[in-house]
Amino acid sequence: MTMRNKHSKQHKKQRPSPVSTVLEPLLTSAEVAKQLRCSVSLLNKLRTHGRGPRFVYVERRVRYRPCDVAEYVEAQLRNSTSADMPPA
């Protein structure tokens, strides 16, 4: 076996990175509030009560992934005003 083949086989044995997808740009509370057409204060209240979009802390700052905001909006869909509310 040549050195080149031996090296290429070793290269194949390396594990893939745990984060295999490209990260989306994170959104601030102000950006999410603007998208949801609500105040930052309401968004903060929803977050502290566990009812808003999922979030992440980055250096003690709250940030939101766009996919989590979209998931939150999808969960709010209703067919009528008498439809069950989402769980609190």
PDB file of N, CA and C in Angstrom:
ATOM      1  N   MET A   1       0.855  -1.175   0.000  1.00  0.00           N
ATOM      2  CA  MET A   1       0.000   0.000   0.000  1.00  0.00           C
ATOM      3  C   MET A   1       0.899   1.237   0.000  1.00  0.00           C
ATOM      4  N   THR A   2       0.585   2.154  -0.834  1.00  0.00           N
ATOM      5  CA  THR A   2       1.385   3.366  -0.907  1.00  0.00           C
ATOM      6  C   THR A   2       1.018   4.299   0.223  1.00  0.00           C
ATOM      7  N   MET A   3       1.878   5.249   0.459  1.00  0.00           N
ATOM      8  CA  MET A   3       1.624   6.238   1.510  1.00  0.00           C
ATOM      9  C   MET A   3       0.366   7.030   1.229  1.00  0.00           C
ATOM     10  N   ARG A   4       0.111   7.315  -0.024  1.00  0.00           N
ATOM     11  CA  ARG A   4      -1.068   8.100  -0.400  1.00  0.00           C
ATOM     12  C   ARG A   4      -2.350   7.333  -0.063  1.00  0.00           C
ATOM     13  N   ASN A   5      -2.417   6.048  -0.385  1.00  0.00           N
ATOM     14  CA  ASN A   5      -3.598   5.251  -0.075  1.00  0.00           C
ATOM     15  C   ASN A   5      -3.797   5.110   1.426  1.00  0.00           C
ATOM     16  N   LYS A   6      -2.709   4.902   2.137  1.00  0.00           N
ATOM     17  CA  LYS A   6      -2.795   4.774   3.586  1.00  0.00           C
ATOM     18  C   LYS A   6      -3.340   6.058   4.202  1.00  0.00           C
ATOM     19  N   HIS A   7      -2.849   7.201   3.732  1.00  0.00           N
ATOM     20  CA  HIS A   7      -3.303   8.488   4.258  1.00  0.00           C
ATOM     21  C   HIS A   7      -4.766   8.733   3.921  1.00  0.00           C
ATOM     22  N   SER A   8      -5.208   8.377   2.724  1.00  0.00           N
ATOM     23  CA  SER A   8      -6.599   8.626   2.341  1.00  0.00           C
ATOM     24  C   SER A   8      -7.541   7.745   3.143  1.00  0.00           C
ATOM     25  N   LYS A   9      -7.117   6.522   3.507  1.00  0.00           N
ATOM     26  CA  LYS A   9      -7.960   5.665   4.331  1.00  0.00           C
ATOM     27  C   LYS A   9      -8.091   6.237   5.739  1.00  0.00           C
ATOM     28  N   GLN A  10      -7.014   6.779   6.263  1.00  0.00           N
ATOM     29  CA  GLN A  10      -7.077   7.397   7.585  1.00  0.00           C
ATOM     30  C   GLN A  10      -7.998   8.602   7.560  1.00  0.00           C
ATOM     31  N   HIS A  11      -7.977   9.348   6.489  1.00  0.00           N
ATOM     32  CA  HIS A  11      -8.817  10.539   6.360  1.00  0.00           C
ATOM     33  C   HIS A  11     -10.296  10.164   6.386  1.00  0.00           C
ATOM     34  N   LYS A  12     -10.654   9.030   5.791  1.00  0.00           N
ATOM     35  CA  LYS A  12     -12.052   8.603   5.746  1.00  0.00           C
ATOM     36  C   LYS A  12     -12.568   8.206   7.126  1.00  0.00           C
ATOM     37  N   LYS A  13     -11.669   7.836   8.037  1.00  0.00           N
ATOM     38  CA  LYS A  13     -12.081   7.394   9.359  1.00  0.00           C
ATOM     39  C   LYS A  13     -12.444   8.542  10.289  1.00  0.00           C
ATOM     40  N   GLN A  14     -12.135   9.765   9.924  1.00  0.00           N
ATOM     41  CA  GLN A  14     -12.442  10.906  10.790  1.00  0.00           C
ATOM     42  C   GLN A  14     -13.950  11.069  10.920  1.00  0.00           C
ATOM     43  N   ARG A  15     -14.368  11.434  12.109  1.00  0.00           N
ATOM     44  CA  ARG A  15     -15.791  11.640  12.355  1.00  0.00           C
ATOM     45  C   ARG A  15     -16.256  12.960  11.760  1.00  0.00           C
ATOM     46  N   PRO A  16     -17.523  12.992  11.302  1.00  0.00           N
ATOM     47  CA  PRO A  16     -18.048  14.263  10.808  1.00  0.00           C
ATOM     48  C   PRO A  16     -18.277  15.236  11.953  1.00  0.00           C
ATOM     49  N   SER A  17     -18.313  16.485  11.632  1.00  0.00           N
ATOM     50  CA  SER A  17     -18.546  17.521  12.622  1.00  0.00           C
ATOM     51  C   SER A  17     -19.940  17.352  13.224  1.00  0.00           C
ATOM     52  N   PRO A  18     -20.123  17.586  14.548  1.00  0.00           N
ATOM     53  CA  PRO A  18     -21.449  17.443  15.150  1.00  0.00           C
ATOM     54  C   PRO A  18     -22.466  18.413  14.565  1.00  0.00           C
ATOM     55  N   VAL A  19     -22.019  19.556  14.096  1.00  0.00           N
ATOM     56  CA  VAL A  19     -22.927  20.511  13.467  1.00  0.00           C
ATOM     57  C   VAL A  19     -22.700  20.403  11.973  1.00  0.00           C
ATOM     58  N   SER A  20     -23.575  19.655  11.303  1.00  0.00           N
ATOM     59  CA  SER A  20     -23.355  19.393   9.890  1.00  0.00           C
ATOM     60  C   SER A  20     -24.123  20.352   8.989  1.00  0.00           C
ATOM     61  N   THR A  21     -24.922  21.224   9.571  1.00  0.00           N
ATOM     62  CA  THR A  21     -25.671  22.170   8.763  1.00  0.00           C
ATOM     63  C   THR A  21     -25.131  23.581   8.974  1.00  0.00           C
ATOM     64  N   VAL A  22     -25.414  24.431   8.037  1.00  0.00           N
ATOM     65  CA  VAL A  22     -25.008  25.830   8.138  1.00  0.00           C
ATOM     66  C   VAL A  22     -25.976  26.529   9.082  1.00  0.00           C
ATOM     67  N   LEU A  23     -25.447  27.290  10.009  1.00  0.00           N
ATOM     68  CA  LEU A  23     -26.300  27.996  10.962  1.00  0.00           C
ATOM     69  C   LEU A  23     -26.992  29.182  10.301  1.00  0.00           C
ATOM     70  N   GLU A  24     -28.243  29.373  10.678  1.00  0.00           N
ATOM     71  CA  GLU A  24     -28.985  30.545  10.216  1.00  0.00           C
ATOM     72  C   GLU A  24     -28.535  31.752  11.029  1.00  0.00           C
ATOM     73  N   PRO A  25     -28.611  32.947  10.463  1.00  0.00           N
ATOM     74  CA  PRO A  25     -28.303  34.137  11.267  1.00  0.00           C
ATOM     75  C   PRO A  25     -29.327  34.262  12.398  1.00  0.00           C
ATOM     76  N   LEU A  26     -28.854  34.539  13.586  1.00  0.00           N
ATOM     77  CA  LEU A  26     -29.754  34.672  14.728  1.00  0.00           C
ATOM     78  C   LEU A  26     -30.398  36.050  14.735  1.00  0.00           C
ATOM     79  N   LEU A  27     -31.631  36.100  15.232  1.00  0.00           N
ATOM     80  CA  LEU A  27     -32.401  37.340  15.271  1.00  0.00           C
ATOM     81  C   LEU A  27     -32.454  37.892  16.691  1.00  0.00           C
ATOM     82  N   THR A  28     -32.491  39.202  16.803  1.00  0.00           N
ATOM     83  CA  THR A  28     -32.641  39.853  18.102  1.00  0.00           C
ATOM     84  C   THR A  28     -34.113  39.902  18.481  1.00  0.00           C
ATOM     85  N   SER A  29     -34.381  40.249  19.723  1.00  0.00           N
ATOM     86  CA  SER A  29     -35.769  40.393  20.175  1.00  0.00           C
ATOM     87  C   SER A  29     -36.491  41.466  19.377  1.00  0.00           C
ATOM     88  N   ALA A  30     -35.805  42.556  19.081  1.00  0.00           N
ATOM     89  CA  ALA A  30     -36.419  43.646  18.307  1.00  0.00           C
ATOM     90  C   ALA A  30     -36.789  43.174  16.895  1.00  0.00           C
ATOM     91  N   GLU A  31     -35.929  42.384  16.280  1.00  0.00           N
ATOM     92  CA  GLU A  31     -36.213  41.887  14.930  1.00  0.00           C
ATOM     93  C   GLU A  31     -37.400  40.927  14.918  1.00  0.00           C
ATOM     94  N   VAL A  32     -37.468  40.059  15.928  1.00  0.00           N
ATOM     95  CA  VAL A  32     -38.584  39.111  16.013  1.00  0.00           C
ATOM     96  C   VAL A  32     -39.883  39.845  16.319  1.00  0.00           C
ATOM     97  N   ALA A  33     -39.826  40.806  17.236  1.00  0.00           N
ATOM     98  CA  ALA A  33     -41.027  41.589  17.560  1.00  0.00           C
ATOM     99  C   ALA A  33     -41.546  42.310  16.314  1.00  0.00           C
ATOM    100  N   LYS A  34     -40.652  42.821  15.512  1.00  0.00           N
ATOM    101  CA  LYS A  34     -41.063  43.502  14.287  1.00  0.00           C
ATOM    102  C   LYS A  34     -41.732  42.519  13.327  1.00  0.00           C
ATOM    103  N   GLN A  35     -41.174  41.320  13.203  1.00  0.00           N
ATOM    104  CA  GLN A  35     -41.769  40.307  12.334  1.00  0.00           C
ATOM    105  C   GLN A  35     -43.154  39.891  12.816  1.00  0.00           C
ATOM    106  N   LEU A  36     -43.297  39.756  14.133  1.00  0.00           N
ATOM    107  CA  LEU A  36     -44.572  39.321  14.713  1.00  0.00           C
ATOM    108  C   LEU A  36     -45.545  40.477  14.910  1.00  0.00           C
ATOM    109  N   ARG A  37     -45.064  41.689  14.638  1.00  0.00           N
ATOM    110  CA  ARG A  37     -45.874  42.899  14.815  1.00  0.00           C
ATOM    111  C   ARG A  37     -46.404  43.015  16.244  1.00  0.00           C
ATOM    112  N   CYS A  38     -45.476  42.843  17.178  1.00  0.00           N
ATOM    113  CA  CYS A  38     -45.805  43.020  18.592  1.00  0.00           C
ATOM    114  C   CYS A  38     -44.664  43.806  19.229  1.00  0.00           C
ATOM    115  N   SER A  39     -44.839  44.187  20.465  1.00  0.00           N
ATOM    116  CA  SER A  39     -43.785  44.935  21.152  1.00  0.00           C
ATOM    117  C   SER A  39     -42.723  43.977  21.690  1.00  0.00           C
ATOM    118  N   VAL A  40     -41.543  44.514  21.910  1.00  0.00           N
ATOM    119  CA  VAL A  40     -40.474  43.727  22.523  1.00  0.00           C
ATOM    120  C   VAL A  40     -40.907  43.316  23.928  1.00  0.00           C
ATOM    121  N   SER A  41     -41.634  44.189  24.603  1.00  0.00           N
ATOM    122  CA  SER A  41     -42.116  43.890  25.947  1.00  0.00           C
ATOM    123  C   SER A  41     -43.023  42.656  25.947  1.00  0.00           C
ATOM    124  N   LEU A  42     -43.936  42.555  24.991  1.00  0.00           N
ATOM    125  CA  LEU A  42     -44.812  41.390  24.913  1.00  0.00           C
ATOM    126  C   LEU A  42     -43.991  40.137  24.620  1.00  0.00           C
ATOM    127  N   LEU A  43     -43.050  40.241  23.713  1.00  0.00           N
ATOM    128  CA  LEU A  43     -42.198  39.102  23.384  1.00  0.00           C
ATOM    129  C   LEU A  43     -41.429  38.636  24.624  1.00  0.00           C
ATOM    130  N   ASN A  44     -40.927  39.587  25.417  1.00  0.00           N
ATOM    131  CA  ASN A  44     -40.223  39.241  26.656  1.00  0.00           C
ATOM    132  C   ASN A  44     -41.155  38.539  27.643  1.00  0.00           C
ATOM    133  N   LYS A  45     -42.385  39.006  27.763  1.00  0.00           N
ATOM    134  CA  LYS A  45     -43.364  38.377  28.664  1.00  0.00           C
ATOM    135  C   LYS A  45     -43.681  36.961  28.197  1.00  0.00           C
ATOM    136  N   LEU A  46     -43.886  36.783  26.898  1.00  0.00           N
ATOM    137  CA  LEU A  46     -44.152  35.448  26.368  1.00  0.00           C
ATOM    138  C   LEU A  46     -42.985  34.512  26.679  1.00  0.00           C
ATOM    139  N   ARG A  47     -41.767  35.005  26.512  1.00  0.00           N
ATOM    140  CA  ARG A  47     -40.582  34.189  26.760  1.00  0.00           C
ATOM    141  C   ARG A  47     -40.489  33.793  28.223  1.00  0.00           C
ATOM    142  N   THR A  48     -40.702  34.736  29.135  1.00  0.00           N
ATOM    143  CA  THR A  48     -40.563  34.422  30.563  1.00  0.00           C
ATOM    144  C   THR A  48     -41.651  33.458  31.039  1.00  0.00           C
ATOM    145  N   HIS A  49     -42.781  33.415  30.341  1.00  0.00           N
ATOM    146  CA  HIS A  49     -43.868  32.495  30.697  1.00  0.00           C
ATOM    147  C   HIS A  49     -43.807  31.208  29.868  1.00  0.00           C
ATOM    148  N   GLY A  50     -42.784  31.067  29.033  1.00  0.00           N
ATOM    149  CA  GLY A  50     -42.619  29.850  28.244  1.00  0.00           C
ATOM    150  C   GLY A  50     -43.613  29.702  27.121  1.00  0.00           C
ATOM    151  N   ARG A  51     -44.162  30.817  26.619  1.00  0.00           N
ATOM    152  CA  ARG A  51     -45.195  30.745  25.591  1.00  0.00           C
ATOM    153  C   ARG A  51     -44.768  31.300  24.248  1.00  0.00           C
ATOM    154  N   GLY A  52     -43.630  31.918  24.154  1.00  0.00           N
ATOM    155  CA  GLY A  52     -43.178  32.503  22.900  1.00  0.00           C
ATOM    156  C   GLY A  52     -42.342  31.525  22.093  1.00  0.00           C
ATOM    157  N   PRO A  53     -41.687  32.026  21.042  1.00  0.00           N
ATOM    158  CA  PRO A  53     -40.812  31.170  20.241  1.00  0.00           C
ATOM    159  C   PRO A  53     -39.631  30.670  21.070  1.00  0.00           C
ATOM    160  N   ARG A  54     -39.120  29.516  20.702  1.00  0.00           N
ATOM    161  CA  ARG A  54     -37.905  29.016  21.352  1.00  0.00           C
ATOM    162  C   ARG A  54     -36.789  30.014  21.121  1.00  0.00           C
ATOM    163  N   PHE A  55     -35.848  30.064  22.054  1.00  0.00           N
ATOM    164  CA  PHE A  55     -34.763  31.037  21.967  1.00  0.00           C
ATOM    165  C   PHE A  55     -33.475  30.414  22.448  1.00  0.00           C
ATOM    166  N   VAL A  56     -32.400  31.149  22.270  1.00  0.00           N
ATOM    167  CA  VAL A  56     -31.087  30.700  22.712  1.00  0.00           C
ATOM    168  C   VAL A  56     -30.378  31.874  23.377  1.00  0.00           C
ATOM    169  N   TYR A  57     -29.585  31.574  24.404  1.00  0.00           N
ATOM    170  CA  TYR A  57     -28.756  32.601  25.008  1.00  0.00           C
ATOM    171  C   TYR A  57     -27.386  32.575  24.333  1.00  0.00           C
ATOM    172  N   VAL A  58     -26.932  33.718  23.906  1.00  0.00           N
ATOM    173  CA  VAL A  58     -25.575  33.866  23.376  1.00  0.00           C
ATOM    174  C   VAL A  58     -24.916  34.963  24.201  1.00  0.00           C
ATOM    175  N   GLU A  59     -23.965  34.564  25.021  1.00  0.00           N
ATOM    176  CA  GLU A  59     -23.291  35.524  25.901  1.00  0.00           C
ATOM    177  C   GLU A  59     -24.304  36.356  26.701  1.00  0.00           C
ATOM    178  N   ARG A  60     -25.253  35.678  27.305  1.00  0.00           N
ATOM    179  CA  ARG A  60     -26.304  36.291  28.137  1.00  0.00           C
ATOM    180  C   ARG A  60     -27.234  37.208  27.363  1.00  0.00           C
ATOM    181  N   ARG A  61     -27.260  37.085  26.064  1.00  0.00           N
ATOM    182  CA  ARG A  61     -28.200  37.853  25.234  1.00  0.00           C
ATOM    183  C   ARG A  61     -29.166  36.882  24.586  1.00  0.00           C
ATOM    184  N   VAL A  62     -30.436  37.267  24.541  1.00  0.00           N
ATOM    185  CA  VAL A  62     -31.460  36.412  23.940  1.00  0.00           C
ATOM    186  C   VAL A  62     -31.421  36.569  22.426  1.00  0.00           C
ATOM    187  N   ARG A  63     -31.399  35.435  21.726  1.00  0.00           N
ATOM    188  CA  ARG A  63     -31.441  35.429  20.267  1.00  0.00           C
ATOM    189  C   ARG A  63     -32.420  34.354  19.827  1.00  0.00           C
ATOM    190  N   TYR A  64     -32.952  34.529  18.624  1.00  0.00           N
ATOM    191  CA  TYR A  64     -33.929  33.592  18.081  1.00  0.00           C
ATOM    192  C   TYR A  64     -33.459  33.054  16.738  1.00  0.00           C
ATOM    193  N   ARG A  65     -33.680  31.760  16.512  1.00  0.00           N
ATOM    194  CA  ARG A  65     -33.415  31.183  15.201  1.00  0.00           C
ATOM    195  C   ARG A  65     -34.653  31.406  14.335  1.00  0.00           C
ATOM    196  N   PRO A  66     -34.467  31.806  13.091  1.00  0.00           N
ATOM    197  CA  PRO A  66     -35.624  32.018  12.209  1.00  0.00           C
ATOM    198  C   PRO A  66     -36.532  30.796  12.113  1.00  0.00           C
ATOM    199  N   CYS A  67     -35.962  29.596  12.115  1.00  0.00           N
ATOM    200  CA  CYS A  67     -36.791  28.389  12.022  1.00  0.00           C
ATOM    201  C   CYS A  67     -37.684  28.237  13.254  1.00  0.00           C
ATOM    202  N   ASP A  68     -37.211  28.651  14.433  1.00  0.00           N
ATOM    203  CA  ASP A  68     -38.032  28.569  15.638  1.00  0.00           C
ATOM    204  C   ASP A  68     -39.158  29.597  15.630  1.00  0.00           C
ATOM    205  N   VAL A  69     -38.894  30.763  15.073  1.00  0.00           N
ATOM    206  CA  VAL A  69     -39.940  31.782  14.950  1.00  0.00           C
ATOM    207  C   VAL A  69     -41.012  31.277  13.985  1.00  0.00           C
ATOM    208  N   ALA A  70     -40.590  30.704  12.871  1.00  0.00           N
ATOM    209  CA  ALA A  70     -41.552  30.167  11.889  1.00  0.00           C
ATOM    210  C   ALA A  70     -42.367  29.031  12.500  1.00  0.00           C
ATOM    211  N   GLU A  71     -41.716  28.178  13.283  1.00  0.00           N
ATOM    212  CA  GLU A  71     -42.416  27.074  13.949  1.00  0.00           C
ATOM    213  C   GLU A  71     -43.452  27.610  14.940  1.00  0.00           C
ATOM    214  N   TYR A  72     -43.093  28.655  15.660  1.00  0.00           N
ATOM    215  CA  TYR A  72     -44.019  29.279  16.610  1.00  0.00           C
ATOM    216  C   TYR A  72     -45.242  29.830  15.884  1.00  0.00           C
ATOM    217  N   VAL A  73     -45.022  30.508  14.772  1.00  0.00           N
ATOM    218  CA  VAL A  73     -46.131  31.072  14.002  1.00  0.00           C
ATOM    219  C   VAL A  73     -47.032  29.944  13.491  1.00  0.00           C
ATOM    220  N   GLU A  74     -46.447  28.872  12.981  1.00  0.00           N
ATOM    221  CA  GLU A  74     -47.236  27.729  12.489  1.00  0.00           C
ATOM    222  C   GLU A  74     -48.097  27.140  13.607  1.00  0.00           C
ATOM    223  N   ALA A  75     -47.558  27.087  14.813  1.00  0.00           N
ATOM    224  CA  ALA A  75     -48.300  26.528  15.945  1.00  0.00           C
ATOM    225  C   ALA A  75     -49.480  27.409  16.357  1.00  0.00           C
ATOM    226  N   GLN A  76     -49.474  28.676  15.927  1.00  0.00           N
ATOM    227  CA  GLN A  76     -50.552  29.596  16.284  1.00  0.00           C
ATOM    228  C   GLN A  76     -51.728  29.537  15.304  1.00  0.00           C
ATOM    229  N   LEU A  77     -51.579  28.807  14.206  1.00  0.00           N
ATOM    230  CA  LEU A  77     -52.633  28.756  13.186  1.00  0.00           C
ATOM    231  C   LEU A  77     -53.922  28.169  13.750  1.00  0.00           C
ATOM    232  N   ARG A  78     -55.035  28.791  13.424  1.00  0.00           N
ATOM    233  CA  ARG A  78     -56.362  28.341  13.845  1.00  0.00           C
ATOM    234  C   ARG A  78     -57.317  28.471  12.665  1.00  0.00           C
ATOM    235  N   ASN A  79     -58.388  27.655  12.677  1.00  0.00           N
ATOM    236  CA  ASN A  79     -59.419  27.738  11.644  1.00  0.00           C
ATOM    237  C   ASN A  79     -60.588  28.599  12.058  1.00  0.00           C
ATOM    238  N   SER A  80     -60.731  28.834  13.354  1.00  0.00           N
ATOM    239  CA  SER A  80     -61.805  29.691  13.840  1.00  0.00           C
ATOM    240  C   SER A  80     -61.407  30.303  15.179  1.00  0.00           C
ATOM    241  N   THR A  81     -62.138  31.304  15.589  1.00  0.00           N
ATOM    242  CA  THR A  81     -61.831  31.932  16.875  1.00  0.00           C
ATOM    243  C   THR A  81     -62.229  31.054  18.055  1.00  0.00           C
ATOM    244  N   SER A  82     -63.059  30.039  17.800  1.00  0.00           N
ATOM    245  CA  SER A  82     -63.445  29.116  18.884  1.00  0.00           C
ATOM    246  C   SER A  82     -62.547  27.894  18.957  1.00  0.00           C
ATOM    247  N   ALA A  83     -61.530  27.825  18.088  1.00  0.00           N
ATOM    248  CA  ALA A  83     -60.600  26.688  18.116  1.00  0.00           C
ATOM    249  C   ALA A  83     -59.798  26.712  19.419  1.00  0.00           C
ATOM    250  N   ASP A  84     -59.358  25.551  19.837  1.00  0.00           N
ATOM    251  CA  ASP A  84     -58.565  25.457  21.070  1.00  0.00           C
ATOM    252  C   ASP A  84     -57.316  26.299  20.965  1.00  0.00           C
ATOM    253  N   MET A  85     -56.965  26.918  22.069  1.00  0.00           N
ATOM    254  CA  MET A  85     -55.732  27.688  22.139  1.00  0.00           C
ATOM    255  C   MET A  85     -54.572  26.728  22.323  1.00  0.00           C
ATOM    256  N   PRO A  86     -53.383  27.144  21.908  1.00  0.00           N
ATOM    257  CA  PRO A  86     -52.223  26.277  22.113  1.00  0.00           C
ATOM    258  C   PRO A  86     -51.940  26.119  23.599  1.00  0.00           C
ATOM    259  N   PRO A  87     -51.302  25.022  23.994  1.00  0.00           N
ATOM    260  CA  PRO A  87     -51.001  24.843  25.414  1.00  0.00           C
ATOM    261  C   PRO A  87     -50.075  25.935  25.934  1.00  0.00           C
ATOM    262  N   ALA A  88     -50.327  26.373  27.162  1.00  0.00           N
ATOM    263  CA  ALA A  88     -49.534  27.459  27.750  1.00  0.00           C
ATOM    264  C   ALA A  88     -48.224  26.978  28.257  1.00  0.00           C
TER     265      ALA A  88
END
